[in-house]
């Protein structure tokens, strides 16, 4: 089940919830119980294969595992 970050439009509280996609429109603020919450856009991790670190190394190529 994915986690989503939200901010309450009423009190400004930011929180993370573990909830199914079909239930995320029913999330309420844990601080004030408001239903006026906005989902925040967050980054995600993506593994592309290769070693432990797939970031470009200084001077070209790839650093990490191998």
C-alpha atoms as a PDB file:
ATOM      1  CA  UNK A   1       0.000   0.000   0.000  1.00  0.00           C
ATOM      2  CA  UNK A   2       1.500   3.381  -0.949  1.00  0.00           C
ATOM      3  CA  UNK A   3       2.118   6.341   1.334  1.00  0.00           C
ATOM      4  CA  UNK A   4       0.906   9.826   0.431  1.00  0.00           C
ATOM      5  CA  UNK A   5       1.836  13.223   1.859  1.00  0.00           C
ATOM      6  CA  UNK A   6      -0.935  15.716   2.575  1.00  0.00           C
ATOM      7  CA  UNK A   7      -1.369  19.235   3.964  1.00  0.00           C
ATOM      8  CA  UNK A   8      -4.533  20.374   5.692  1.00  0.00           C
ATOM      9  CA  UNK A   9      -6.051  23.463   4.048  1.00  0.00           C
ATOM     10  CA  UNK A  10      -7.657  24.482   7.362  1.00  0.00           C
ATOM     11  CA  UNK A  11      -4.842  24.160   9.922  1.00  0.00           C
ATOM     12  CA  UNK A  12      -1.738  23.731   7.711  1.00  0.00           C
ATOM     13  CA  UNK A  13      -0.690  20.431   9.320  1.00  0.00           C
ATOM     14  CA  UNK A  14       1.501  18.245   7.046  1.00  0.00           C
ATOM     15  CA  UNK A  15       1.194  14.490   7.423  1.00  0.00           C
ATOM     16  CA  UNK A  16       1.865  11.166   5.692  1.00  0.00           C
ATOM     17  CA  UNK A  17      -0.759   8.440   5.365  1.00  0.00           C
ATOM     18  CA  UNK A  18      -0.482   4.785   4.342  1.00  0.00           C
ATOM     19  CA  UNK A  19      -3.665   4.335   2.324  1.00  0.00           C
ATOM     20  CA  UNK A  20      -4.883   2.597  -0.835  1.00  0.00           C
ATOM     21  CA  UNK A  21      -5.377   4.629  -4.003  1.00  0.00           C
ATOM     22  CA  UNK A  22      -9.136   4.073  -3.842  1.00  0.00           C
ATOM     23  CA  UNK A  23      -9.306   5.453  -0.273  1.00  0.00           C
ATOM     24  CA  UNK A  24      -7.040   8.512  -0.519  1.00  0.00           C
ATOM     25  CA  UNK A  25      -9.968  10.842  -1.273  1.00  0.00           C
ATOM     26  CA  UNK A  26     -11.369   9.968   2.192  1.00  0.00           C
ATOM     27  CA  UNK A  27      -8.296  11.121   4.149  1.00  0.00           C
ATOM     28  CA  UNK A  28      -8.894  13.562   7.002  1.00  0.00           C
ATOM     29  CA  UNK A  29      -6.420  15.689   8.936  1.00  0.00           C
ATOM     30  CA  UNK A  30      -5.202  13.906  12.090  1.00  0.00           C
ATOM     31  CA  UNK A  31      -4.709  17.261  13.850  1.00  0.00           C
ATOM     32  CA  UNK A  32      -8.126  18.876  13.313  1.00  0.00           C
ATOM     33  CA  UNK A  33     -10.237  16.190  11.536  1.00  0.00           C
ATOM     34  CA  UNK A  34     -10.841  18.462   8.528  1.00  0.00           C
ATOM     35  CA  UNK A  35     -11.648  16.855   5.185  1.00  0.00           C
ATOM     36  CA  UNK A  36     -10.038  19.811   3.378  1.00  0.00           C
ATOM     37  CA  UNK A  37      -6.685  18.151   2.669  1.00  0.00           C
ATOM     38  CA  UNK A  38      -4.460  18.564  -0.369  1.00  0.00           C
ATOM     39  CA  UNK A  39      -2.122  15.868  -1.622  1.00  0.00           C
ATOM     40  CA  UNK A  40       1.468  17.062  -1.866  1.00  0.00           C
ATOM     41  CA  UNK A  41       3.667  16.108  -4.801  1.00  0.00           C
ATOM     42  CA  UNK A  42       6.685  14.168  -3.584  1.00  0.00           C
ATOM     43  CA  UNK A  43       9.655  12.492  -5.217  1.00  0.00           C
ATOM     44  CA  UNK A  44      10.120   8.786  -5.587  1.00  0.00           C
ATOM     45  CA  UNK A  45      13.038   6.393  -5.834  1.00  0.00           C
ATOM     46  CA  UNK A  46      13.578   4.444  -9.024  1.00  0.00           C
ATOM     47  CA  UNK A  47      16.079   1.660  -9.386  1.00  0.00           C
ATOM     48  CA  UNK A  48      17.407   1.369 -12.925  1.00  0.00           C
ATOM     49  CA  UNK A  49      19.600  -1.679 -12.459  1.00  0.00           C
ATOM     50  CA  UNK A  50      23.325  -1.860 -12.174  1.00  0.00           C
ATOM     51  CA  UNK A  51      25.174  -1.279  -8.966  1.00  0.00           C
ATOM     52  CA  UNK A  52      24.388   0.190  -5.605  1.00  0.00           C
ATOM     53  CA  UNK A  53      24.651   3.714  -6.983  1.00  0.00           C
ATOM     54  CA  UNK A  54      23.485   4.622 -10.468  1.00  0.00           C
ATOM     55  CA  UNK A  55      24.421   8.306 -10.339  1.00  0.00           C
ATOM     56  CA  UNK A  56      26.800   9.746 -12.919  1.00  0.00           C
ATOM     57  CA  UNK A  57      30.356   9.786 -11.573  1.00  0.00           C
ATOM     58  CA  UNK A  58      32.616  12.829 -11.888  1.00  0.00           C
ATOM     59  CA  UNK A  59      34.321  12.641 -15.278  1.00  0.00           C
ATOM     60  CA  UNK A  60      31.616  10.472 -16.849  1.00  0.00           C
ATOM     61  CA  UNK A  61      30.588   6.867 -16.469  1.00  0.00           C
ATOM     62  CA  UNK A  62      28.676   5.524 -13.506  1.00  0.00           C
ATOM     63  CA  UNK A  63      29.739   5.160  -9.905  1.00  0.00           C
ATOM     64  CA  UNK A  64      28.900   2.311  -7.613  1.00  0.00           C
ATOM     65  CA  UNK A  65      28.567  -1.472  -7.684  1.00  0.00           C
ATOM     66  CA  UNK A  66      29.974  -3.407 -10.491  1.00  0.00           C
END
